Amino acid sequence: MARRNLRSIGASSNQSLDEQIEDAGVVAFDFDGTLTTRDSFTAFLKWRAGKRRYQLGMVRLAPAALAYLGHRNRGKIKAAAVSEFLAGASREAIEADARTFAEIMAPRLLRPDAVATWRRWRQRRAKLVIVTASPDIVVAPFARGLGADLLIGTELAFDAEGRATGGFSTANCRGPEKVRRLREAFGDDIRLEAAYGDTSGDREMLRIANEVGYRVFTEKP
């Protein structure tokens, strides 16, 4: 299939019903800025910490923010935020907070046009995958709500007692790491039927897709 930009996925009127519901392969969506209007992890940390604690944490993160201007490593500044706001929290507590956050914020964060496209691919029996740099533990409730077949994200590290260490157990799931993780899940010869993203961190994932949707979703809740 020729590579092309993808704006919408409505089935043409002359397709038979069987053609419309034929399994469509693997379709990958970035999460933050693609399915959502803004960064979900930052929103989660702010919501969980509360205004005063979040402001204090951001002051403490100022050195890490300044260092980022030099190294431009998003993984390092994300790890600093995890260490500041989540270190010592139990897995169960983070999971419970993530569920509550998703229940409250999904209607405010998810883009209606992105969700509509997701559902159209579901009707075509595509295998729907969210591939995100955000911690999978935070995105998981959103993924379950959407009915994702697979969630691939950055994974928090936990100690033997199940408490967040303040770091990650995987590489930051961005750029080439997205493709590496997709190949790990589906095989080295994976070719996506379609992929959606909104930043340079999605570029490599978009390159292995037959149909490319770059910054195609614009609606706000």
N, C-alpha and C. Protein backbone atom coordinates (compact mmCIF):
# COMPACT_ATOMS: atom_id res chain seq x y z
N MET A 1 0.84 -1.20 0.00
CA MET A 1 0.00 0.00 0.00
C MET A 1 0.87 1.24 0.00
N ALA A 2 0.53 2.23 -0.82
CA ALA A 2 1.34 3.45 -0.88
C ALA A 2 1.25 4.21 0.42
N ARG A 3 2.35 4.84 0.76
CA ARG A 3 2.41 5.64 1.97
C ARG A 3 1.68 6.95 1.72
N ARG A 4 0.83 7.39 2.65
CA ARG A 4 0.08 8.62 2.44
C ARG A 4 -0.32 9.22 3.78
N ASN A 5 -0.57 10.52 3.77
CA ASN A 5 -1.08 11.16 4.97
C ASN A 5 -2.52 10.74 5.17
N LEU A 6 -2.92 10.59 6.43
CA LEU A 6 -4.25 10.08 6.75
C LEU A 6 -5.02 11.15 7.51
N ARG A 7 -6.12 11.58 6.99
CA ARG A 7 -6.96 12.58 7.64
C ARG A 7 -8.20 11.94 8.25
N SER A 8 -8.76 10.96 7.60
CA SER A 8 -9.95 10.31 8.14
C SER A 8 -10.00 8.88 7.65
N ILE A 9 -10.82 8.06 8.31
CA ILE A 9 -10.84 6.64 7.99
C ILE A 9 -12.25 6.15 7.72
N GLY A 10 -13.13 6.94 7.21
CA GLY A 10 -14.47 6.46 6.92
C GLY A 10 -14.45 5.48 5.77
N ALA A 11 -15.23 4.40 5.87
CA ALA A 11 -15.29 3.42 4.78
C ALA A 11 -16.04 4.04 3.61
N SER A 12 -15.59 3.78 2.37
CA SER A 12 -16.25 4.34 1.21
C SER A 12 -17.62 3.69 1.04
N SER A 13 -18.52 4.42 0.38
CA SER A 13 -19.91 3.96 0.28
C SER A 13 -20.05 2.73 -0.59
N ASN A 14 -19.07 2.46 -1.50
CA ASN A 14 -19.20 1.32 -2.38
C ASN A 14 -18.53 0.07 -1.83
N GLN A 15 -18.03 0.10 -0.59
CA GLN A 15 -17.45 -1.08 0.02
C GLN A 15 -18.55 -2.00 0.53
N SER A 16 -18.35 -3.30 0.40
CA SER A 16 -19.28 -4.25 0.98
C SER A 16 -19.08 -4.28 2.49
N LEU A 17 -20.07 -4.80 3.22
CA LEU A 17 -19.96 -4.89 4.67
C LEU A 17 -18.77 -5.75 5.06
N ASP A 18 -18.54 -6.87 4.34
CA ASP A 18 -17.42 -7.74 4.67
C ASP A 18 -16.09 -7.02 4.50
N GLU A 19 -15.99 -6.19 3.47
CA GLU A 19 -14.75 -5.43 3.24
C GLU A 19 -14.54 -4.42 4.35
N GLN A 20 -15.61 -3.80 4.81
CA GLN A 20 -15.50 -2.78 5.83
C GLN A 20 -15.04 -3.35 7.16
N ILE A 21 -15.39 -4.60 7.46
CA ILE A 21 -15.06 -5.15 8.77
C ILE A 21 -13.88 -6.11 8.70
N GLU A 22 -13.22 -6.19 7.53
CA GLU A 22 -12.05 -7.04 7.42
C GLU A 22 -10.96 -6.57 8.39
N ASP A 23 -10.27 -7.52 9.03
CA ASP A 23 -9.22 -7.15 9.98
C ASP A 23 -8.23 -6.21 9.32
N ALA A 24 -7.93 -5.10 9.98
CA ALA A 24 -7.15 -4.03 9.35
C ALA A 24 -5.70 -4.00 9.77
N GLY A 25 -5.23 -4.94 10.59
CA GLY A 25 -3.84 -4.92 11.00
C GLY A 25 -3.62 -4.13 12.27
N VAL A 26 -2.38 -3.70 12.49
CA VAL A 26 -2.00 -2.99 13.71
C VAL A 26 -2.00 -1.49 13.46
N VAL A 27 -2.67 -0.76 14.33
CA VAL A 27 -2.72 0.70 14.25
C VAL A 27 -2.21 1.26 15.58
N ALA A 28 -1.22 2.15 15.50
CA ALA A 28 -0.58 2.70 16.70
C ALA A 28 -0.90 4.17 16.88
N PHE A 29 -1.25 4.52 18.10
CA PHE A 29 -1.53 5.91 18.46
C PHE A 29 -0.55 6.36 19.54
N ASP A 30 0.11 7.48 19.33
CA ASP A 30 0.74 8.18 20.44
C ASP A 30 -0.38 8.64 21.37
N PHE A 31 -0.05 8.94 22.62
CA PHE A 31 -1.09 9.34 23.56
C PHE A 31 -1.12 10.86 23.77
N ASP A 32 -0.09 11.39 24.40
CA ASP A 32 -0.09 12.81 24.78
C ASP A 32 0.01 13.72 23.56
N GLY A 33 -0.97 14.60 23.41
CA GLY A 33 -1.00 15.52 22.30
C GLY A 33 -1.63 14.94 21.05
N THR A 34 -1.83 13.62 21.04
CA THR A 34 -2.46 12.96 19.90
C THR A 34 -3.88 12.53 20.29
N LEU A 35 -3.98 11.56 21.19
CA LEU A 35 -5.29 11.21 21.73
C LEU A 35 -5.77 12.24 22.74
N THR A 36 -4.83 12.96 23.35
CA THR A 36 -5.19 13.97 24.36
C THR A 36 -4.80 15.36 23.90
N THR A 37 -5.31 16.35 24.61
CA THR A 37 -5.00 17.73 24.27
C THR A 37 -3.70 18.22 24.89
N ARG A 38 -3.20 17.52 25.92
CA ARG A 38 -1.96 17.96 26.56
C ARG A 38 -1.30 16.78 27.27
N ASP A 39 -0.17 17.04 27.87
CA ASP A 39 0.61 15.99 28.51
C ASP A 39 -0.12 15.43 29.73
N SER A 40 -0.43 14.15 29.68
CA SER A 40 -1.21 13.54 30.75
C SER A 40 -0.40 13.32 32.01
N PHE A 41 0.90 13.06 31.88
CA PHE A 41 1.72 12.77 33.05
C PHE A 41 1.90 14.02 33.90
N THR A 42 2.18 15.14 33.25
CA THR A 42 2.28 16.40 33.99
C THR A 42 0.97 16.72 34.68
N ALA A 43 -0.14 16.53 33.96
CA ALA A 43 -1.45 16.79 34.54
C ALA A 43 -1.71 15.87 35.73
N PHE A 44 -1.29 14.61 35.62
CA PHE A 44 -1.48 13.66 36.71
C PHE A 44 -0.67 14.08 37.94
N LEU A 45 0.58 14.44 37.74
CA LEU A 45 1.41 14.85 38.88
C LEU A 45 0.83 16.07 39.57
N LYS A 46 0.37 17.02 38.79
CA LYS A 46 -0.21 18.24 39.37
C LYS A 46 -1.48 17.92 40.14
N TRP A 47 -2.33 17.10 39.55
CA TRP A 47 -3.59 16.71 40.20
C TRP A 47 -3.31 15.94 41.48
N ARG A 48 -2.39 15.01 41.44
CA ARG A 48 -2.11 14.15 42.59
C ARG A 48 -1.46 14.92 43.73
N ALA A 49 -0.55 15.81 43.39
CA ALA A 49 0.20 16.53 44.42
C ALA A 49 -0.61 17.64 45.07
N GLY A 50 -1.50 18.25 44.33
CA GLY A 50 -2.19 19.43 44.83
C GLY A 50 -1.39 20.68 44.48
N LYS A 51 -2.05 21.79 44.46
CA LYS A 51 -1.44 23.02 43.96
C LYS A 51 -0.17 23.40 44.71
N ARG A 52 -0.23 23.44 46.04
CA ARG A 52 0.92 23.92 46.81
C ARG A 52 2.10 22.96 46.70
N ARG A 53 1.83 21.66 46.84
CA ARG A 53 2.92 20.67 46.75
C ARG A 53 3.52 20.64 45.36
N TYR A 54 2.69 20.81 44.35
CA TYR A 54 3.19 20.81 42.98
C TYR A 54 4.09 22.02 42.73
N GLN A 55 3.68 23.18 43.22
CA GLN A 55 4.50 24.38 43.05
C GLN A 55 5.85 24.22 43.74
N LEU A 56 5.84 23.65 44.94
CA LEU A 56 7.09 23.42 45.66
C LEU A 56 7.97 22.45 44.89
N GLY A 57 7.36 21.40 44.35
CA GLY A 57 8.12 20.42 43.58
C GLY A 57 8.74 21.03 42.34
N MET A 58 8.02 21.93 41.69
CA MET A 58 8.55 22.55 40.49
C MET A 58 9.74 23.45 40.82
N VAL A 59 9.70 24.08 41.98
CA VAL A 59 10.85 24.89 42.41
C VAL A 59 12.06 23.99 42.60
N ARG A 60 11.83 22.84 43.23
CA ARG A 60 12.93 21.90 43.46
C ARG A 60 13.47 21.32 42.16
N LEU A 61 12.63 21.28 41.13
CA LEU A 61 13.05 20.74 39.84
C LEU A 61 13.74 21.77 38.95
N ALA A 62 13.87 22.98 39.44
CA ALA A 62 14.49 24.04 38.63
C ALA A 62 15.89 23.66 38.14
N PRO A 63 16.77 23.09 38.98
CA PRO A 63 18.09 22.69 38.48
C PRO A 63 18.01 21.67 37.35
N ALA A 64 17.09 20.71 37.46
CA ALA A 64 16.92 19.71 36.41
C ALA A 64 16.42 20.36 35.12
N ALA A 65 15.54 21.37 35.26
CA ALA A 65 15.03 22.08 34.09
C ALA A 65 16.15 22.85 33.40
N LEU A 66 17.01 23.47 34.19
CA LEU A 66 18.14 24.20 33.62
C LEU A 66 19.12 23.24 32.93
N ALA A 67 19.35 22.09 33.55
CA ALA A 67 20.25 21.09 32.95
C ALA A 67 19.68 20.59 31.63
N TYR A 68 18.37 20.50 31.53
CA TYR A 68 17.74 20.03 30.31
C TYR A 68 18.07 20.91 29.11
N LEU A 69 18.24 22.21 29.37
CA LEU A 69 18.58 23.13 28.28
C LEU A 69 19.91 22.75 27.64
N GLY A 70 20.75 22.04 28.40
CA GLY A 70 22.02 21.60 27.87
C GLY A 70 21.98 20.23 27.23
N HIS A 71 21.40 19.25 27.95
CA HIS A 71 21.43 17.87 27.41
C HIS A 71 20.24 17.51 26.55
N ARG A 72 19.11 18.20 26.68
CA ARG A 72 17.90 17.96 25.89
C ARG A 72 17.43 16.51 25.97
N ASN A 73 17.67 15.90 27.10
CA ASN A 73 17.25 14.51 27.30
C ASN A 73 15.94 14.50 28.07
N ARG A 74 14.85 14.22 27.37
CA ARG A 74 13.53 14.24 28.01
C ARG A 74 13.41 13.16 29.09
N GLY A 75 14.11 12.05 28.88
CA GLY A 75 14.07 10.98 29.87
C GLY A 75 14.61 11.42 31.21
N LYS A 76 15.69 12.22 31.20
CA LYS A 76 16.31 12.67 32.45
C LYS A 76 15.39 13.61 33.22
N ILE A 77 14.76 14.55 32.54
CA ILE A 77 13.89 15.49 33.25
C ILE A 77 12.61 14.79 33.72
N LYS A 78 12.16 13.79 32.96
CA LYS A 78 10.99 13.02 33.40
C LYS A 78 11.33 12.21 34.64
N ALA A 79 12.54 11.62 34.65
CA ALA A 79 12.98 10.85 35.82
C ALA A 79 13.09 11.74 37.03
N ALA A 80 13.53 12.98 36.85
CA ALA A 80 13.63 13.91 37.97
C ALA A 80 12.24 14.20 38.54
N ALA A 81 11.25 14.33 37.67
CA ALA A 81 9.88 14.57 38.12
C ALA A 81 9.33 13.37 38.87
N VAL A 82 9.62 12.17 38.37
CA VAL A 82 9.20 10.95 39.06
C VAL A 82 9.82 10.89 40.46
N SER A 83 11.10 11.19 40.54
CA SER A 83 11.79 11.16 41.83
C SER A 83 11.19 12.17 42.80
N GLU A 84 10.84 13.34 42.30
CA GLU A 84 10.30 14.39 43.15
C GLU A 84 8.90 14.08 43.64
N PHE A 85 8.05 13.57 42.76
CA PHE A 85 6.63 13.46 43.09
C PHE A 85 6.14 12.05 43.42
N LEU A 86 6.87 11.02 42.99
CA LEU A 86 6.34 9.66 43.17
C LEU A 86 7.22 8.72 43.98
N ALA A 87 8.48 9.10 44.22
CA ALA A 87 9.39 8.20 44.94
C ALA A 87 8.80 7.83 46.30
N GLY A 88 8.79 6.53 46.59
CA GLY A 88 8.27 6.04 47.87
C GLY A 88 6.82 5.66 47.85
N ALA A 89 6.08 6.08 46.82
CA ALA A 89 4.66 5.73 46.73
C ALA A 89 4.52 4.27 46.32
N SER A 90 3.53 3.59 46.85
CA SER A 90 3.33 2.19 46.49
C SER A 90 2.70 2.07 45.12
N ARG A 91 2.96 0.93 44.48
CA ARG A 91 2.35 0.67 43.18
C ARG A 91 0.83 0.75 43.27
N GLU A 92 0.28 0.16 44.36
CA GLU A 92 -1.17 0.14 44.53
C GLU A 92 -1.74 1.56 44.63
N ALA A 93 -1.04 2.43 45.36
CA ALA A 93 -1.51 3.80 45.52
C ALA A 93 -1.47 4.56 44.20
N ILE A 94 -0.39 4.38 43.44
CA ILE A 94 -0.29 5.07 42.15
C ILE A 94 -1.36 4.56 41.19
N GLU A 95 -1.57 3.24 41.18
CA GLU A 95 -2.60 2.68 40.30
C GLU A 95 -3.99 3.20 40.68
N ALA A 96 -4.27 3.27 41.97
CA ALA A 96 -5.57 3.76 42.41
C ALA A 96 -5.75 5.23 42.03
N ASP A 97 -4.70 6.02 42.24
CA ASP A 97 -4.77 7.43 41.86
C ASP A 97 -4.94 7.60 40.36
N ALA A 98 -4.25 6.75 39.59
CA ALA A 98 -4.36 6.83 38.13
C ALA A 98 -5.78 6.51 37.67
N ARG A 99 -6.41 5.55 38.31
CA ARG A 99 -7.80 5.22 37.94
C ARG A 99 -8.72 6.39 38.22
N THR A 100 -8.58 7.00 39.39
CA THR A 100 -9.43 8.14 39.73
C THR A 100 -9.17 9.31 38.79
N PHE A 101 -7.89 9.55 38.51
CA PHE A 101 -7.51 10.64 37.60
C PHE A 101 -8.16 10.44 36.24
N ALA A 102 -8.10 9.23 35.71
CA ALA A 102 -8.68 8.96 34.39
C ALA A 102 -10.20 9.14 34.40
N GLU A 103 -10.83 8.69 35.46
CA GLU A 103 -12.29 8.85 35.55
C GLU A 103 -12.69 10.32 35.51
N ILE A 104 -11.90 11.15 36.19
CA ILE A 104 -12.21 12.58 36.25
C ILE A 104 -11.80 13.30 34.98
N MET A 105 -10.62 12.96 34.47
CA MET A 105 -10.00 13.77 33.44
C MET A 105 -10.21 13.29 32.01
N ALA A 106 -10.60 12.05 31.81
CA ALA A 106 -10.77 11.57 30.43
C ALA A 106 -11.68 12.47 29.61
N PRO A 107 -12.83 12.89 30.14
CA PRO A 107 -13.70 13.76 29.34
C PRO A 107 -13.07 15.11 29.04
N ARG A 108 -12.09 15.52 29.83
CA ARG A 108 -11.43 16.82 29.63
C ARG A 108 -10.18 16.72 28.78
N LEU A 109 -9.60 15.53 28.68
CA LEU A 109 -8.32 15.38 28.00
C LEU A 109 -8.43 14.77 26.61
N LEU A 110 -9.32 13.82 26.40
CA LEU A 110 -9.36 13.08 25.14
C LEU A 110 -9.98 13.92 24.02
N ARG A 111 -9.31 13.89 22.88
CA ARG A 111 -9.80 14.63 21.71
C ARG A 111 -10.95 13.85 21.05
N PRO A 112 -12.09 14.49 20.85
CA PRO A 112 -13.22 13.78 20.25
C PRO A 112 -12.91 13.23 18.87
N ASP A 113 -12.18 13.97 18.02
CA ASP A 113 -11.90 13.48 16.67
C ASP A 113 -10.91 12.30 16.71
N ALA A 114 -9.99 12.31 17.68
CA ALA A 114 -9.07 11.18 17.82
C ALA A 114 -9.81 9.93 18.27
N VAL A 115 -10.71 10.10 19.23
CA VAL A 115 -11.49 8.96 19.72
C VAL A 115 -12.40 8.42 18.61
N ALA A 116 -12.97 9.31 17.80
CA ALA A 116 -13.81 8.86 16.69
C ALA A 116 -13.02 8.04 15.69
N THR A 117 -11.79 8.47 15.41
CA THR A 117 -10.94 7.71 14.50
C THR A 117 -10.56 6.38 15.12
N TRP A 118 -10.24 6.37 16.39
CA TRP A 118 -9.95 5.12 17.11
C TRP A 118 -11.11 4.14 16.95
N ARG A 119 -12.32 4.63 17.13
CA ARG A 119 -13.49 3.76 17.05
C ARG A 119 -13.73 3.25 15.64
N ARG A 120 -13.41 4.06 14.65
CA ARG A 120 -13.57 3.60 13.27
C ARG A 120 -12.59 2.46 12.97
N TRP A 121 -11.38 2.57 13.49
CA TRP A 121 -10.43 1.47 13.31
C TRP A 121 -10.90 0.23 14.09
N ARG A 122 -11.51 0.44 15.23
CA ARG A 122 -12.04 -0.70 15.99
C ARG A 122 -13.12 -1.42 15.18
N GLN A 123 -13.97 -0.67 14.49
CA GLN A 123 -14.99 -1.28 13.65
C GLN A 123 -14.39 -2.11 12.53
N ARG A 124 -13.18 -1.74 12.13
CA ARG A 124 -12.49 -2.50 11.08
C ARG A 124 -11.63 -3.61 11.66
N ARG A 125 -11.78 -3.84 12.95
CA ARG A 125 -11.09 -4.93 13.66
C ARG A 125 -9.57 -4.77 13.66
N ALA A 126 -9.13 -3.53 13.65
CA ALA A 126 -7.68 -3.30 13.78
C ALA A 126 -7.23 -3.65 15.19
N LYS A 127 -5.97 -4.03 15.32
CA LYS A 127 -5.38 -4.21 16.64
C LYS A 127 -4.86 -2.85 17.07
N LEU A 128 -5.46 -2.27 18.09
CA LEU A 128 -5.18 -0.89 18.48
C LEU A 128 -4.18 -0.83 19.62
N VAL A 129 -3.11 -0.07 19.40
CA VAL A 129 -1.99 0.00 20.33
C VAL A 129 -1.71 1.46 20.67
N ILE A 130 -1.56 1.75 21.95
CA ILE A 130 -1.09 3.06 22.40
C ILE A 130 0.39 2.93 22.69
N VAL A 131 1.19 3.81 22.08
CA VAL A 131 2.64 3.80 22.27
C VAL A 131 3.02 5.18 22.79
N THR A 132 3.44 5.25 24.05
CA THR A 132 3.60 6.55 24.70
C THR A 132 4.86 6.63 25.54
N ALA A 133 5.40 7.84 25.63
CA ALA A 133 6.55 8.07 26.50
C ALA A 133 6.12 8.23 27.96
N SER A 134 4.85 8.47 28.19
CA SER A 134 4.37 8.62 29.56
C SER A 134 4.41 7.27 30.29
N PRO A 135 4.48 7.31 31.61
CA PRO A 135 4.48 6.04 32.37
C PRO A 135 3.22 5.23 32.07
N ASP A 136 3.40 3.96 31.77
CA ASP A 136 2.25 3.13 31.42
C ASP A 136 1.26 3.01 32.57
N ILE A 137 1.74 3.12 33.80
CA ILE A 137 0.86 2.98 34.96
C ILE A 137 -0.16 4.12 35.02
N VAL A 138 0.19 5.27 34.46
CA VAL A 138 -0.71 6.42 34.44
C VAL A 138 -1.67 6.33 33.26
N VAL A 139 -1.19 5.86 32.13
CA VAL A 139 -2.01 5.79 30.92
C VAL A 139 -2.93 4.58 30.91
N ALA A 140 -2.59 3.55 31.69
CA ALA A 140 -3.34 2.29 31.66
C ALA A 140 -4.85 2.43 31.81
N PRO A 141 -5.36 3.25 32.76
CA PRO A 141 -6.81 3.36 32.87
C PRO A 141 -7.46 3.97 31.62
N PHE A 142 -6.78 4.90 30.98
CA PHE A 142 -7.29 5.47 29.73
C PHE A 142 -7.32 4.39 28.64
N ALA A 143 -6.23 3.60 28.58
CA ALA A 143 -6.15 2.54 27.58
C ALA A 143 -7.27 1.52 27.77
N ARG A 144 -7.53 1.15 29.03
CA ARG A 144 -8.62 0.20 29.29
C ARG A 144 -9.95 0.80 28.89
N GLY A 145 -10.15 2.08 29.19
CA GLY A 145 -11.40 2.72 28.84
C GLY A 145 -11.65 2.78 27.34
N LEU A 146 -10.56 2.93 26.59
CA LEU A 146 -10.67 2.97 25.13
C LEU A 146 -10.76 1.57 24.53
N GLY A 147 -10.41 0.56 25.31
CA GLY A 147 -10.41 -0.80 24.80
C GLY A 147 -9.18 -1.13 23.98
N ALA A 148 -8.03 -0.56 24.36
CA ALA A 148 -6.79 -0.82 23.64
C ALA A 148 -6.41 -2.30 23.74
N ASP A 149 -5.85 -2.82 22.66
CA ASP A 149 -5.36 -4.20 22.67
C ASP A 149 -4.01 -4.30 23.37
N LEU A 150 -3.25 -3.21 23.34
CA LEU A 150 -1.93 -3.22 23.96
C LEU A 150 -1.53 -1.79 24.31
N LEU A 151 -0.87 -1.65 25.45
CA LEU A 151 -0.29 -0.37 25.86
C LEU A 151 1.21 -0.55 25.99
N ILE A 152 1.95 0.30 25.30
CA ILE A 152 3.40 0.31 25.39
C ILE A 152 3.81 1.68 25.91
N GLY A 153 4.48 1.70 27.06
CA GLY A 153 4.88 2.98 27.64
C GLY A 153 6.15 2.85 28.43
N THR A 154 6.59 3.95 28.99
CA THR A 154 7.75 3.95 29.88
C THR A 154 7.31 3.35 31.21
N GLU A 155 8.12 2.48 31.78
CA GLU A 155 7.71 1.76 32.99
C GLU A 155 8.46 2.28 34.21
N LEU A 156 7.71 2.58 35.27
CA LEU A 156 8.33 3.00 36.52
C LEU A 156 9.06 1.82 37.17
N ALA A 157 10.10 2.14 37.90
CA ALA A 157 10.83 1.11 38.67
C ALA A 157 10.25 1.04 40.08
N PHE A 158 10.10 -0.18 40.59
CA PHE A 158 9.60 -0.41 41.94
C PHE A 158 10.58 -1.31 42.68
N ASP A 159 10.70 -1.09 43.99
CA ASP A 159 11.60 -1.92 44.78
C ASP A 159 10.90 -3.22 45.19
N ALA A 160 11.57 -4.02 46.00
CA ALA A 160 11.03 -5.31 46.40
C ALA A 160 9.73 -5.18 47.20
N GLU A 161 9.53 -4.03 47.82
CA GLU A 161 8.30 -3.80 48.58
C GLU A 161 7.20 -3.16 47.73
N GLY A 162 7.46 -3.00 46.45
CA GLY A 162 6.45 -2.44 45.56
C GLY A 162 6.33 -0.94 45.66
N ARG A 163 7.39 -0.25 46.06
CA ARG A 163 7.38 1.21 46.15
C ARG A 163 8.24 1.82 45.05
N ALA A 164 7.76 2.92 44.49
CA ALA A 164 8.47 3.58 43.40
C ALA A 164 9.84 4.05 43.86
N THR A 165 10.85 3.71 43.08
CA THR A 165 12.22 4.09 43.45
C THR A 165 12.53 5.52 43.05
N GLY A 166 11.72 6.08 42.16
CA GLY A 166 12.02 7.41 41.65
C GLY A 166 12.70 7.37 40.30
N GLY A 167 12.72 6.21 39.67
CA GLY A 167 13.33 6.06 38.35
C GLY A 167 12.48 5.18 37.46
N PHE A 168 13.08 4.75 36.34
CA PHE A 168 12.38 3.92 35.38
C PHE A 168 13.06 2.57 35.24
N SER A 169 12.30 1.56 34.89
CA SER A 169 12.87 0.23 34.64
C SER A 169 13.06 -0.03 33.16
N THR A 170 12.62 0.90 32.31
CA THR A 170 12.82 0.80 30.87
C THR A 170 13.34 2.12 30.35
N ALA A 171 13.79 2.11 29.10
CA ALA A 171 14.18 3.36 28.45
C ALA A 171 12.94 4.21 28.22
N ASN A 172 13.15 5.53 28.10
CA ASN A 172 12.06 6.43 27.79
C ASN A 172 11.47 6.03 26.43
N CYS A 173 10.17 5.74 26.38
CA CYS A 173 9.54 5.21 25.17
C CYS A 173 9.24 6.34 24.19
N ARG A 174 10.29 6.76 23.53
CA ARG A 174 10.23 7.89 22.61
C ARG A 174 11.19 7.65 21.45
N GLY A 175 10.86 8.16 20.27
CA GLY A 175 11.75 8.04 19.13
C GLY A 175 11.98 6.60 18.73
N PRO A 176 13.25 6.20 18.53
CA PRO A 176 13.55 4.82 18.11
C PRO A 176 13.06 3.77 19.10
N GLU A 177 12.93 4.16 20.38
CA GLU A 177 12.46 3.20 21.38
C GLU A 177 11.04 2.75 21.09
N LYS A 178 10.22 3.61 20.51
CA LYS A 178 8.85 3.22 20.17
C LYS A 178 8.87 2.07 19.16
N VAL A 179 9.72 2.19 18.15
CA VAL A 179 9.81 1.13 17.14
C VAL A 179 10.40 -0.13 17.74
N ARG A 180 11.41 0.02 18.58
CA ARG A 180 12.01 -1.16 19.21
C ARG A 180 10.98 -1.93 20.01
N ARG A 181 10.16 -1.21 20.77
CA ARG A 181 9.15 -1.87 21.60
C ARG A 181 8.05 -2.50 20.74
N LEU A 182 7.69 -1.85 19.64
CA LEU A 182 6.70 -2.43 18.73
C LEU A 182 7.23 -3.72 18.12
N ARG A 183 8.50 -3.71 17.74
CA ARG A 183 9.10 -4.92 17.18
C ARG A 183 9.20 -6.02 18.23
N GLU A 184 9.45 -5.63 19.46
CA GLU A 184 9.49 -6.60 20.54
C GLU A 184 8.13 -7.27 20.71
N ALA A 185 7.07 -6.50 20.52
CA ALA A 185 5.71 -7.02 20.71
C ALA A 185 5.20 -7.79 19.50
N PHE A 186 5.54 -7.33 18.28
CA PHE A 186 4.91 -7.89 17.08
C PHE A 186 5.89 -8.54 16.10
N GLY A 187 7.17 -8.48 16.38
CA GLY A 187 8.15 -9.07 15.47
C GLY A 187 8.92 -8.01 14.70
N ASP A 188 10.11 -8.39 14.26
CA ASP A 188 10.99 -7.44 13.58
C ASP A 188 10.44 -6.92 12.27
N ASP A 189 9.53 -7.67 11.65
CA ASP A 189 9.01 -7.26 10.35
C ASP A 189 7.69 -6.48 10.46
N ILE A 190 7.37 -5.99 11.67
CA ILE A 190 6.11 -5.28 11.86
C ILE A 190 5.98 -4.10 10.91
N ARG A 191 4.85 -4.02 10.27
CA ARG A 191 4.48 -2.88 9.44
C ARG A 191 3.11 -2.43 9.91
N LEU A 192 3.03 -1.22 10.41
CA LEU A 192 1.76 -0.70 10.92
C LEU A 192 0.83 -0.35 9.77
N GLU A 193 -0.44 -0.64 9.96
CA GLU A 193 -1.42 -0.21 8.97
C GLU A 193 -1.54 1.31 8.99
N ALA A 194 -1.51 1.88 10.19
CA ALA A 194 -1.55 3.33 10.33
C ALA A 194 -0.90 3.71 11.65
N ALA A 195 -0.42 4.94 11.71
CA ALA A 195 0.16 5.45 12.95
C ALA A 195 -0.16 6.93 13.07
N TYR A 196 -0.34 7.36 14.32
CA TYR A 196 -0.69 8.74 14.60
C TYR A 196 0.27 9.30 15.64
N GLY A 197 0.74 10.52 15.41
CA GLY A 197 1.63 11.17 16.37
C GLY A 197 1.60 12.67 16.17
N ASP A 198 2.34 13.37 17.06
CA ASP A 198 2.30 14.83 16.97
C ASP A 198 3.65 15.51 17.24
N THR A 199 4.71 14.73 17.50
CA THR A 199 6.01 15.34 17.77
C THR A 199 7.11 14.56 17.05
N SER A 200 8.33 15.12 17.14
CA SER A 200 9.49 14.44 16.55
C SER A 200 9.73 13.09 17.21
N GLY A 201 9.25 12.90 18.43
CA GLY A 201 9.41 11.63 19.12
C GLY A 201 8.58 10.51 18.52
N ASP A 202 7.70 10.84 17.59
CA ASP A 202 6.87 9.84 16.91
C ASP A 202 7.38 9.54 15.50
N ARG A 203 8.42 10.24 15.07
CA ARG A 203 8.86 10.16 13.68
C ARG A 203 9.19 8.73 13.25
N GLU A 204 9.95 8.03 14.06
CA GLU A 204 10.36 6.68 13.69
C GLU A 204 9.17 5.73 13.61
N MET A 205 8.21 5.89 14.51
CA MET A 205 7.02 5.05 14.47
C MET A 205 6.20 5.33 13.20
N LEU A 206 6.10 6.59 12.83
CA LEU A 206 5.34 6.94 11.64
C LEU A 206 5.98 6.37 10.38
N ARG A 207 7.30 6.22 10.41
CA ARG A 207 8.00 5.72 9.23
C ARG A 207 7.71 4.26 8.92
N ILE A 208 7.23 3.52 9.89
CA ILE A 208 6.93 2.10 9.63
C ILE A 208 5.43 1.88 9.44
N ALA A 209 4.72 2.95 9.08
CA ALA A 209 3.27 2.86 8.87
C ALA A 209 2.92 3.06 7.40
N ASN A 210 1.94 2.34 6.94
CA ASN A 210 1.44 2.53 5.59
C ASN A 210 0.70 3.86 5.45
N GLU A 211 -0.05 4.21 6.48
CA GLU A 211 -0.82 5.45 6.47
C GLU A 211 -0.37 6.30 7.65
N VAL A 212 -0.04 7.53 7.39
CA VAL A 212 0.58 8.39 8.39
C VAL A 212 -0.36 9.53 8.77
N GLY A 213 -0.62 9.64 10.07
CA GLY A 213 -1.43 10.74 10.58
C GLY A 213 -0.60 11.59 11.53
N TYR A 214 -0.07 12.69 11.04
CA TYR A 214 0.78 13.57 11.85
C TYR A 214 0.03 14.85 12.16
N ARG A 215 -0.24 15.07 13.45
CA ARG A 215 -0.97 16.26 13.90
C ARG A 215 -2.29 16.44 13.16
N VAL A 216 -3.01 15.36 13.00
CA VAL A 216 -4.28 15.42 12.28
C VAL A 216 -5.47 15.68 13.20
N PHE A 217 -5.30 15.51 14.49
CA PHE A 217 -6.40 15.70 15.43
C PHE A 217 -6.31 17.08 16.06
N THR A 218 -7.39 17.82 16.02
CA THR A 218 -7.37 19.20 16.52
C THR A 218 -8.51 19.53 17.47
N GLU A 219 -9.49 18.66 17.58
CA GLU A 219 -10.66 18.98 18.40
C GLU A 219 -10.32 18.98 19.88
N LYS A 220 -11.01 19.82 20.62
CA LYS A 220 -10.90 19.86 22.07
C LYS A 220 -12.23 19.44 22.69
N PRO A 221 -12.16 18.83 23.87
CA PRO A 221 -13.39 18.37 24.51
C PRO A 221 -14.36 19.53 24.77
